[in-house]
Amino acid sequence: MAKAPVNRTKADTLSLRVSPDLKFGLELLAKLEERSLTTIVERSLRTTFYTKIVPFQTFGTRLDPADYPEIRYSELLTYIWSLDGPTRLFRTVAALPGTVTVKDVSLIELITENTYFDGEDRIGFAVTGSEHDKLLSALMDIFWNGFGGVNMERIRRNWARLNYVVDEAFATGRYPENPAWD
């Protein structure tokens, strides 16, 4: 008998608190469907991602929703997601500015205000020929308005250091005067 293929994708652990009645409901549903609690939660999240319509968010510029097709959260996630942390950061800030954290804003600030990271790269979304290309292109144009671009190679080489500098700035209340970039 052949073995099932090995799942090479490492799952992340999610720890959360839920009300006792919700936990009971999830456990009961898992038993009823003869599935794991993880499978029930993942399926529920994917259903929510698929049904959630994302409202337009921009940096003060009004986009007329009538000019663009509605986009579901699951579709937007496929455009934003990248294994590359800096790419994911720029895409998230451009597409969903209302969701960025203080750390995200601090990273963008540190990168865009440090001439070492100046460059010609303007991270965008992969053009797929979909009906959403126009919307995603408009969001990226709004984001990059005012920035000349960045040097993604330098950002990637210094990604861990950038995160460390921001964490240190939170602890000390200021950025170091001359952080050592590679």
N, C-alpha and C. Protein backbone atom coordinates (compact mmCIF):
# COMPACT_ATOMS: atom_id res chain seq x y z
N MET A 1 0.84 -1.17 0.00
CA MET A 1 0.00 0.00 0.00
C MET A 1 0.90 1.25 0.00
N ALA A 2 0.58 2.19 -0.88
CA ALA A 2 1.39 3.41 -0.99
C ALA A 2 1.11 4.35 0.17
N LYS A 3 2.16 5.03 0.61
CA LYS A 3 2.01 6.01 1.68
C LYS A 3 1.44 7.30 1.12
N ALA A 4 0.70 7.99 1.96
CA ALA A 4 0.20 9.30 1.57
C ALA A 4 1.39 10.25 1.44
N PRO A 5 1.32 11.21 0.50
CA PRO A 5 2.43 12.15 0.36
C PRO A 5 2.61 12.96 1.64
N VAL A 6 3.86 13.27 1.93
CA VAL A 6 4.17 14.04 3.13
C VAL A 6 3.77 15.50 2.90
N ASN A 7 3.10 16.07 3.87
CA ASN A 7 2.73 17.48 3.80
C ASN A 7 3.96 18.30 4.16
N ARG A 8 4.53 19.01 3.21
CA ARG A 8 5.76 19.76 3.41
C ARG A 8 5.49 21.18 3.95
N THR A 9 4.23 21.56 4.03
CA THR A 9 3.89 22.88 4.53
C THR A 9 3.77 22.83 6.04
N LYS A 10 4.59 23.61 6.71
CA LYS A 10 4.55 23.65 8.16
C LYS A 10 3.37 24.52 8.60
N ALA A 11 2.59 24.01 9.50
CA ALA A 11 1.45 24.76 10.01
C ALA A 11 1.91 25.64 11.17
N ASP A 12 1.31 26.81 11.27
CA ASP A 12 1.58 27.70 12.39
C ASP A 12 0.59 27.41 13.50
N THR A 13 1.05 27.62 14.72
CA THR A 13 0.19 27.42 15.88
C THR A 13 -0.55 28.71 16.18
N LEU A 14 -1.83 28.58 16.47
CA LEU A 14 -2.65 29.72 16.84
C LEU A 14 -3.25 29.42 18.21
N SER A 15 -2.97 30.26 19.15
CA SER A 15 -3.49 30.08 20.50
C SER A 15 -4.47 31.21 20.77
N LEU A 16 -5.68 30.88 21.14
CA LEU A 16 -6.67 31.92 21.40
C LEU A 16 -7.64 31.49 22.48
N ARG A 17 -8.30 32.48 23.03
CA ARG A 17 -9.32 32.22 24.05
C ARG A 17 -10.68 32.41 23.41
N VAL A 18 -11.58 31.48 23.67
CA VAL A 18 -12.95 31.59 23.20
C VAL A 18 -13.88 31.29 24.39
N SER A 19 -15.10 31.74 24.25
CA SER A 19 -16.07 31.49 25.32
C SER A 19 -16.34 29.99 25.41
N PRO A 20 -16.70 29.51 26.59
CA PRO A 20 -16.94 28.06 26.76
C PRO A 20 -18.01 27.50 25.83
N ASP A 21 -19.05 28.28 25.55
CA ASP A 21 -20.11 27.77 24.68
C ASP A 21 -19.63 27.66 23.23
N LEU A 22 -18.77 28.57 22.80
CA LEU A 22 -18.22 28.49 21.45
C LEU A 22 -17.27 27.30 21.32
N LYS A 23 -16.45 27.08 22.34
CA LYS A 23 -15.55 25.92 22.32
C LYS A 23 -16.36 24.62 22.28
N PHE A 24 -17.39 24.56 23.10
CA PHE A 24 -18.25 23.37 23.13
C PHE A 24 -18.88 23.15 21.75
N GLY A 25 -19.36 24.23 21.15
CA GLY A 25 -19.97 24.14 19.82
C GLY A 25 -19.00 23.64 18.77
N LEU A 26 -17.76 24.13 18.81
CA LEU A 26 -16.74 23.68 17.86
C LEU A 26 -16.41 22.21 18.06
N GLU A 27 -16.25 21.81 19.33
CA GLU A 27 -15.93 20.41 19.61
C GLU A 27 -17.07 19.49 19.19
N LEU A 28 -18.29 19.91 19.44
CA LEU A 28 -19.45 19.11 19.05
C LEU A 28 -19.56 19.00 17.53
N LEU A 29 -19.33 20.11 16.83
CA LEU A 29 -19.36 20.10 15.37
C LEU A 29 -18.26 19.18 14.82
N ALA A 30 -17.08 19.21 15.43
CA ALA A 30 -15.99 18.34 15.00
C ALA A 30 -16.38 16.88 15.16
N LYS A 31 -17.03 16.55 16.27
CA LYS A 31 -17.48 15.17 16.47
C LYS A 31 -18.56 14.79 15.48
N LEU A 32 -19.50 15.70 15.28
CA LEU A 32 -20.61 15.45 14.37
C LEU A 32 -20.12 15.20 12.95
N GLU A 33 -19.12 15.96 12.52
CA GLU A 33 -18.60 15.81 11.17
C GLU A 33 -17.40 14.86 11.09
N GLU A 34 -17.04 14.28 12.23
CA GLU A 34 -15.90 13.36 12.31
C GLU A 34 -14.65 13.98 11.70
N ARG A 35 -14.37 15.18 12.15
CA ARG A 35 -13.21 15.92 11.70
C ARG A 35 -12.48 16.46 12.93
N SER A 36 -11.25 16.91 12.72
CA SER A 36 -10.50 17.48 13.84
C SER A 36 -10.99 18.89 14.12
N LEU A 37 -10.73 19.34 15.33
CA LEU A 37 -11.07 20.70 15.71
C LEU A 37 -10.34 21.69 14.80
N THR A 38 -9.10 21.40 14.46
CA THR A 38 -8.33 22.25 13.56
C THR A 38 -9.02 22.38 12.21
N THR A 39 -9.48 21.26 11.67
CA THR A 39 -10.15 21.27 10.37
C THR A 39 -11.42 22.12 10.42
N ILE A 40 -12.18 22.01 11.49
CA ILE A 40 -13.42 22.78 11.63
C ILE A 40 -13.10 24.28 11.68
N VAL A 41 -12.11 24.65 12.47
CA VAL A 41 -11.74 26.06 12.60
C VAL A 41 -11.21 26.59 11.27
N GLU A 42 -10.32 25.85 10.62
CA GLU A 42 -9.77 26.29 9.33
C GLU A 42 -10.88 26.46 8.30
N ARG A 43 -11.79 25.50 8.22
CA ARG A 43 -12.88 25.59 7.25
C ARG A 43 -13.77 26.79 7.54
N SER A 44 -14.05 27.04 8.82
CA SER A 44 -14.88 28.18 9.19
C SER A 44 -14.20 29.50 8.81
N LEU A 45 -12.89 29.57 9.06
CA LEU A 45 -12.15 30.78 8.70
C LEU A 45 -12.14 30.99 7.19
N ARG A 46 -11.90 29.91 6.44
CA ARG A 46 -11.88 30.04 4.98
C ARG A 46 -13.25 30.48 4.45
N THR A 47 -14.32 29.98 5.04
CA THR A 47 -15.66 30.40 4.64
C THR A 47 -15.86 31.89 4.91
N THR A 48 -15.43 32.33 6.08
CA THR A 48 -15.52 33.75 6.42
C THR A 48 -14.68 34.58 5.46
N PHE A 49 -13.46 34.15 5.18
CA PHE A 49 -12.59 34.87 4.25
C PHE A 49 -13.25 34.99 2.88
N TYR A 50 -13.94 33.94 2.45
CA TYR A 50 -14.54 33.94 1.14
C TYR A 50 -15.77 34.85 1.06
N THR A 51 -16.52 34.96 2.14
CA THR A 51 -17.76 35.74 2.10
C THR A 51 -17.56 37.21 2.45
N LYS A 52 -16.47 37.56 3.10
CA LYS A 52 -16.22 38.94 3.51
C LYS A 52 -15.82 39.80 2.30
N ILE A 53 -16.58 40.86 2.06
CA ILE A 53 -16.26 41.82 1.02
C ILE A 53 -15.43 42.93 1.67
N VAL A 54 -14.29 43.27 1.06
CA VAL A 54 -13.38 44.25 1.63
C VAL A 54 -13.78 45.65 1.17
N PRO A 55 -13.98 46.57 2.11
CA PRO A 55 -14.27 47.95 1.71
C PRO A 55 -12.99 48.63 1.21
N PHE A 56 -13.15 49.61 0.36
CA PHE A 56 -12.00 50.34 -0.15
C PHE A 56 -11.38 51.16 0.96
N GLN A 57 -10.07 51.07 1.10
CA GLN A 57 -9.32 51.89 2.04
C GLN A 57 -8.16 52.48 1.27
N THR A 58 -7.96 53.77 1.41
CA THR A 58 -6.82 54.40 0.76
C THR A 58 -6.23 55.42 1.71
N PHE A 59 -5.20 56.08 1.25
CA PHE A 59 -4.50 57.08 2.05
C PHE A 59 -5.10 58.46 1.81
N GLY A 60 -6.36 58.64 2.11
CA GLY A 60 -7.00 59.94 1.97
C GLY A 60 -7.52 60.22 0.58
N THR A 61 -7.17 59.42 -0.40
CA THR A 61 -7.65 59.61 -1.76
C THR A 61 -8.93 58.80 -1.93
N ARG A 62 -9.92 59.42 -2.51
CA ARG A 62 -11.19 58.72 -2.69
C ARG A 62 -11.15 57.92 -4.00
N LEU A 63 -11.44 56.66 -3.89
CA LEU A 63 -11.64 55.83 -5.07
C LEU A 63 -13.13 55.57 -5.18
N ASP A 64 -13.67 55.73 -6.33
CA ASP A 64 -15.09 55.48 -6.53
C ASP A 64 -15.31 53.98 -6.66
N PRO A 65 -16.00 53.38 -5.66
CA PRO A 65 -16.21 51.93 -5.72
C PRO A 65 -16.93 51.48 -6.99
N ALA A 66 -17.67 52.38 -7.63
CA ALA A 66 -18.36 52.01 -8.86
C ALA A 66 -17.38 51.71 -9.99
N ASP A 67 -16.16 52.23 -9.89
CA ASP A 67 -15.15 52.02 -10.93
C ASP A 67 -14.45 50.67 -10.83
N TYR A 68 -14.66 49.96 -9.72
CA TYR A 68 -13.92 48.73 -9.47
C TYR A 68 -14.87 47.63 -9.02
N PRO A 69 -14.61 46.39 -9.42
CA PRO A 69 -15.45 45.30 -8.93
C PRO A 69 -15.17 45.06 -7.45
N GLU A 70 -16.18 44.57 -6.74
CA GLU A 70 -15.94 44.26 -5.33
C GLU A 70 -14.93 43.13 -5.23
N ILE A 71 -14.20 43.14 -4.12
CA ILE A 71 -13.17 42.12 -3.94
C ILE A 71 -13.40 41.43 -2.60
N ARG A 72 -13.35 40.14 -2.62
CA ARG A 72 -13.51 39.35 -1.40
C ARG A 72 -12.17 39.29 -0.67
N TYR A 73 -12.26 39.14 0.64
CA TYR A 73 -11.06 39.07 1.47
C TYR A 73 -10.14 37.95 1.01
N SER A 74 -10.70 36.80 0.67
CA SER A 74 -9.87 35.66 0.23
C SER A 74 -9.11 35.99 -1.05
N GLU A 75 -9.74 36.74 -1.95
CA GLU A 75 -9.07 37.14 -3.19
C GLU A 75 -7.93 38.11 -2.87
N LEU A 76 -8.21 39.08 -2.01
CA LEU A 76 -7.20 40.06 -1.65
C LEU A 76 -6.01 39.39 -0.97
N LEU A 77 -6.28 38.40 -0.12
CA LEU A 77 -5.20 37.67 0.54
C LEU A 77 -4.26 37.02 -0.47
N THR A 78 -4.80 36.50 -1.55
CA THR A 78 -3.95 35.86 -2.55
C THR A 78 -3.02 36.87 -3.21
N TYR A 79 -3.44 38.12 -3.29
CA TYR A 79 -2.59 39.16 -3.87
C TYR A 79 -1.56 39.67 -2.86
N ILE A 80 -1.94 39.78 -1.61
CA ILE A 80 -1.06 40.33 -0.58
C ILE A 80 -0.01 39.31 -0.13
N TRP A 81 -0.40 38.06 0.02
CA TRP A 81 0.47 37.06 0.62
C TRP A 81 1.76 36.89 -0.17
N SER A 82 2.85 36.81 0.56
CA SER A 82 4.17 36.49 0.01
C SER A 82 4.98 35.90 1.14
N LEU A 83 5.84 34.95 0.83
CA LEU A 83 6.76 34.44 1.84
C LEU A 83 7.75 35.53 2.26
N ASP A 84 7.98 36.48 1.38
CA ASP A 84 8.92 37.56 1.61
C ASP A 84 8.28 38.63 2.51
N GLY A 85 8.84 38.80 3.72
CA GLY A 85 8.29 39.74 4.69
C GLY A 85 8.17 41.17 4.18
N PRO A 86 9.22 41.74 3.58
CA PRO A 86 9.10 43.12 3.09
C PRO A 86 8.03 43.28 2.01
N THR A 87 7.93 42.32 1.10
CA THR A 87 6.90 42.39 0.06
C THR A 87 5.52 42.36 0.70
N ARG A 88 5.32 41.45 1.64
CA ARG A 88 4.04 41.34 2.34
C ARG A 88 3.71 42.65 3.07
N LEU A 89 4.72 43.27 3.70
CA LEU A 89 4.49 44.53 4.41
C LEU A 89 4.02 45.62 3.46
N PHE A 90 4.74 45.84 2.36
CA PHE A 90 4.37 46.90 1.42
C PHE A 90 2.99 46.65 0.82
N ARG A 91 2.69 45.42 0.46
CA ARG A 91 1.38 45.11 -0.11
C ARG A 91 0.25 45.33 0.90
N THR A 92 0.48 44.93 2.14
CA THR A 92 -0.55 45.11 3.17
C THR A 92 -0.81 46.58 3.43
N VAL A 93 0.25 47.36 3.56
CA VAL A 93 0.10 48.79 3.83
C VAL A 93 -0.63 49.47 2.68
N ALA A 94 -0.35 49.06 1.46
CA ALA A 94 -1.00 49.66 0.30
C ALA A 94 -2.47 49.25 0.17
N ALA A 95 -2.75 47.97 0.38
CA ALA A 95 -4.10 47.46 0.13
C ALA A 95 -5.03 47.64 1.31
N LEU A 96 -4.51 47.51 2.52
CA LEU A 96 -5.35 47.58 3.72
C LEU A 96 -4.70 48.48 4.77
N PRO A 97 -4.56 49.77 4.50
CA PRO A 97 -3.85 50.65 5.44
C PRO A 97 -4.48 50.70 6.83
N GLY A 98 -5.75 50.42 6.93
CA GLY A 98 -6.41 50.44 8.23
C GLY A 98 -6.05 49.26 9.12
N THR A 99 -5.31 48.29 8.58
CA THR A 99 -4.97 47.11 9.36
C THR A 99 -3.53 47.11 9.85
N VAL A 100 -2.75 48.09 9.44
CA VAL A 100 -1.33 48.06 9.79
C VAL A 100 -1.13 48.36 11.27
N THR A 101 -0.11 47.76 11.83
CA THR A 101 0.22 47.93 13.23
C THR A 101 1.19 49.09 13.39
N VAL A 102 1.42 49.48 14.62
CA VAL A 102 2.39 50.52 14.91
C VAL A 102 3.77 50.07 14.44
N LYS A 103 4.08 48.80 14.60
CA LYS A 103 5.37 48.28 14.15
C LYS A 103 5.48 48.36 12.63
N ASP A 104 4.40 48.03 11.91
CA ASP A 104 4.41 48.13 10.45
C ASP A 104 4.70 49.56 10.01
N VAL A 105 4.00 50.51 10.62
CA VAL A 105 4.20 51.92 10.29
C VAL A 105 5.63 52.34 10.60
N SER A 106 6.15 51.88 11.72
CA SER A 106 7.53 52.21 12.10
C SER A 106 8.54 51.63 11.12
N LEU A 107 8.31 50.41 10.65
CA LEU A 107 9.20 49.81 9.65
C LEU A 107 9.18 50.62 8.35
N ILE A 108 7.98 50.97 7.89
CA ILE A 108 7.86 51.78 6.66
C ILE A 108 8.56 53.12 6.86
N GLU A 109 8.34 53.74 8.00
CA GLU A 109 8.97 55.03 8.30
C GLU A 109 10.50 54.90 8.31
N LEU A 110 11.02 53.90 8.97
CA LEU A 110 12.46 53.70 9.04
C LEU A 110 13.05 53.48 7.65
N ILE A 111 12.36 52.69 6.83
CA ILE A 111 12.84 52.39 5.47
C ILE A 111 12.79 53.64 4.59
N THR A 112 11.66 54.33 4.59
CA THR A 112 11.48 55.45 3.65
C THR A 112 12.22 56.70 4.08
N GLU A 113 12.57 56.82 5.35
CA GLU A 113 13.30 58.00 5.80
C GLU A 113 14.80 57.79 5.87
N ASN A 114 15.26 56.60 5.52
CA ASN A 114 16.69 56.29 5.55
C ASN A 114 17.19 56.20 4.12
N THR A 115 18.04 57.11 3.71
CA THR A 115 18.49 57.15 2.32
C THR A 115 19.21 55.88 1.87
N TYR A 116 19.72 55.10 2.82
CA TYR A 116 20.38 53.85 2.48
C TYR A 116 19.43 52.91 1.71
N PHE A 117 18.14 53.02 1.99
CA PHE A 117 17.16 52.12 1.37
C PHE A 117 16.48 52.74 0.14
N ASP A 118 16.93 53.94 -0.28
CA ASP A 118 16.37 54.55 -1.49
C ASP A 118 16.72 53.70 -2.69
N GLY A 119 15.81 53.64 -3.63
CA GLY A 119 16.04 52.87 -4.84
C GLY A 119 14.93 53.08 -5.85
N GLU A 120 14.91 52.21 -6.80
CA GLU A 120 13.93 52.30 -7.90
C GLU A 120 12.79 51.30 -7.75
N ASP A 121 12.90 50.35 -6.83
CA ASP A 121 11.89 49.31 -6.69
C ASP A 121 10.60 49.89 -6.12
N ARG A 122 9.51 49.51 -6.73
CA ARG A 122 8.18 49.90 -6.25
C ARG A 122 7.35 48.62 -6.21
N ILE A 123 7.32 48.01 -5.04
CA ILE A 123 6.61 46.74 -4.88
C ILE A 123 5.16 46.91 -5.31
N GLY A 124 4.67 45.93 -6.01
CA GLY A 124 3.28 45.96 -6.45
C GLY A 124 2.67 44.58 -6.32
N PHE A 125 1.59 44.40 -7.01
CA PHE A 125 0.90 43.13 -7.03
C PHE A 125 1.15 42.47 -8.38
N ALA A 126 1.19 41.17 -8.40
CA ALA A 126 1.37 40.45 -9.66
C ALA A 126 0.17 40.73 -10.56
N VAL A 127 0.43 41.08 -11.78
CA VAL A 127 -0.64 41.31 -12.74
C VAL A 127 -1.12 39.95 -13.21
N THR A 128 -2.41 39.72 -13.01
CA THR A 128 -2.95 38.40 -13.31
C THR A 128 -3.94 38.40 -14.45
N GLY A 129 -4.25 39.57 -14.96
CA GLY A 129 -5.27 39.66 -15.99
C GLY A 129 -6.67 39.58 -15.40
N SER A 130 -6.77 39.72 -14.08
CA SER A 130 -8.08 39.63 -13.43
C SER A 130 -8.75 40.99 -13.43
N GLU A 131 -10.01 40.98 -13.07
CA GLU A 131 -10.77 42.22 -13.00
C GLU A 131 -10.29 43.13 -11.87
N HIS A 132 -9.47 42.61 -10.98
CA HIS A 132 -8.99 43.41 -9.84
C HIS A 132 -7.68 44.13 -10.11
N ASP A 133 -7.04 43.89 -11.24
CA ASP A 133 -5.76 44.52 -11.54
C ASP A 133 -5.84 46.04 -11.48
N LYS A 134 -6.91 46.62 -11.99
CA LYS A 134 -7.06 48.09 -12.00
C LYS A 134 -7.11 48.63 -10.57
N LEU A 135 -7.86 47.97 -9.69
CA LEU A 135 -7.96 48.39 -8.29
C LEU A 135 -6.60 48.29 -7.60
N LEU A 136 -5.95 47.16 -7.73
CA LEU A 136 -4.67 46.95 -7.06
C LEU A 136 -3.61 47.91 -7.58
N SER A 137 -3.63 48.19 -8.86
CA SER A 137 -2.71 49.16 -9.45
C SER A 137 -2.97 50.56 -8.89
N ALA A 138 -4.23 50.93 -8.77
CA ALA A 138 -4.58 52.25 -8.21
C ALA A 138 -4.13 52.36 -6.75
N LEU A 139 -4.32 51.30 -5.97
CA LEU A 139 -3.90 51.33 -4.56
C LEU A 139 -2.38 51.48 -4.45
N MET A 140 -1.63 50.78 -5.30
CA MET A 140 -0.17 50.90 -5.25
C MET A 140 0.29 52.28 -5.69
N ASP A 141 -0.36 52.85 -6.71
CA ASP A 141 -0.01 54.21 -7.16
C ASP A 141 -0.23 55.22 -6.04
N ILE A 142 -1.32 55.07 -5.31
CA ILE A 142 -1.60 55.97 -4.18
C ILE A 142 -0.52 55.80 -3.11
N PHE A 143 -0.17 54.55 -2.80
CA PHE A 143 0.84 54.31 -1.78
C PHE A 143 2.18 54.92 -2.17
N TRP A 144 2.63 54.69 -3.40
CA TRP A 144 3.96 55.13 -3.82
C TRP A 144 4.02 56.62 -4.14
N ASN A 145 2.87 57.30 -4.21
CA ASN A 145 2.87 58.74 -4.45
C ASN A 145 3.63 59.41 -3.31
N GLY A 146 4.71 60.07 -3.63
CA GLY A 146 5.52 60.72 -2.60
C GLY A 146 6.79 59.97 -2.27
N PHE A 147 6.87 58.70 -2.66
CA PHE A 147 8.10 57.91 -2.47
C PHE A 147 8.70 57.69 -3.85
N GLY A 148 10.01 57.81 -3.95
CA GLY A 148 10.66 57.53 -5.23
C GLY A 148 10.78 56.04 -5.48
N GLY A 149 10.81 55.28 -4.45
CA GLY A 149 11.01 53.84 -4.54
C GLY A 149 12.01 53.41 -3.48
N VAL A 150 12.22 52.13 -3.40
CA VAL A 150 13.11 51.57 -2.38
C VAL A 150 14.05 50.57 -3.04
N ASN A 151 15.08 50.19 -2.31
CA ASN A 151 16.01 49.16 -2.75
C ASN A 151 15.65 47.88 -2.00
N MET A 152 14.89 47.02 -2.66
CA MET A 152 14.40 45.81 -1.99
C MET A 152 15.52 44.86 -1.62
N GLU A 153 16.59 44.83 -2.40
CA GLU A 153 17.71 43.95 -2.06
C GLU A 153 18.30 44.35 -0.70
N ARG A 154 18.49 45.64 -0.50
CA ARG A 154 19.02 46.11 0.78
C ARG A 154 18.04 45.88 1.92
N ILE A 155 16.77 46.08 1.65
CA ILE A 155 15.75 45.86 2.69
C ILE A 155 15.75 44.39 3.10
N ARG A 156 15.77 43.50 2.13
CA ARG A 156 15.76 42.05 2.43
C ARG A 156 17.01 41.64 3.21
N ARG A 157 18.17 42.16 2.81
CA ARG A 157 19.41 41.82 3.52
C ARG A 157 19.38 42.31 4.96
N ASN A 158 18.66 43.39 5.21
CA ASN A 158 18.63 44.02 6.53
C ASN A 158 17.30 43.82 7.26
N TRP A 159 16.47 42.91 6.78
CA TRP A 159 15.12 42.75 7.33
C TRP A 159 15.15 42.44 8.83
N ALA A 160 15.96 41.50 9.24
CA ALA A 160 16.05 41.16 10.67
C ALA A 160 16.55 42.37 11.46
N ARG A 161 17.53 43.07 10.93
CA ARG A 161 18.09 44.26 11.59
C ARG A 161 17.05 45.37 11.67
N LEU A 162 16.28 45.59 10.62
CA LEU A 162 15.22 46.60 10.63
C LEU A 162 14.22 46.31 11.75
N ASN A 163 13.80 45.06 11.85
CA ASN A 163 12.86 44.67 12.91
C ASN A 163 13.47 44.88 14.28
N TYR A 164 14.75 44.54 14.43
CA TYR A 164 15.44 44.73 15.70
C TYR A 164 15.51 46.22 16.07
N VAL A 165 15.85 47.06 15.11
CA VAL A 165 15.95 48.51 15.36
C VAL A 165 14.60 49.07 15.79
N VAL A 166 13.53 48.65 15.14
CA VAL A 166 12.19 49.12 15.53
C VAL A 166 11.84 48.64 16.94
N ASP A 167 12.13 47.39 17.24
CA ASP A 167 11.87 46.88 18.59
C ASP A 167 12.67 47.65 19.64
N GLU A 168 13.92 47.96 19.34
CA GLU A 168 14.75 48.74 20.25
C GLU A 168 14.21 50.16 20.40
N ALA A 169 13.71 50.73 19.31
CA ALA A 169 13.14 52.08 19.38
C ALA A 169 11.91 52.09 20.29
N PHE A 170 11.11 51.04 20.23
CA PHE A 170 9.96 50.95 21.14
C PHE A 170 10.44 50.92 22.59
N ALA A 171 11.53 50.21 22.85
CA ALA A 171 12.05 50.07 24.21
C ALA A 171 12.69 51.36 24.72
N THR A 172 13.37 52.10 23.82
CA THR A 172 14.11 53.29 24.25
C THR A 172 13.40 54.60 23.96
N GLY A 173 12.40 54.56 23.09
CA GLY A 173 11.68 55.78 22.74
C GLY A 173 12.29 56.56 21.60
N ARG A 174 13.31 55.99 20.95
CA ARG A 174 13.91 56.68 19.79
C ARG A 174 14.68 55.67 18.95
N TYR A 175 14.85 56.03 17.68
CA TYR A 175 15.68 55.21 16.80
C TYR A 175 17.15 55.47 17.13
N PRO A 176 18.00 54.48 16.96
CA PRO A 176 19.43 54.73 17.14
C PRO A 176 19.91 55.74 16.08
N GLU A 177 20.92 56.53 16.42
CA GLU A 177 21.36 57.59 15.51
C GLU A 177 21.95 57.06 14.22
N ASN A 178 22.80 56.08 14.27
CA ASN A 178 23.41 55.53 13.06
C ASN A 178 23.36 54.01 13.09
N PRO A 179 22.18 53.45 12.77
CA PRO A 179 22.13 51.98 12.79
C PRO A 179 23.07 51.41 11.73
N ALA A 180 23.70 50.31 12.06
CA ALA A 180 24.65 49.69 11.13
C ALA A 180 23.90 48.78 10.18
N TRP A 181 23.79 49.22 8.92
CA TRP A 181 23.18 48.37 7.90
C TRP A 181 24.30 47.59 7.24
N ASP A 182 23.98 46.48 6.62
CA ASP A 182 25.00 45.59 6.08
C ASP A 182 26.05 46.29 5.29
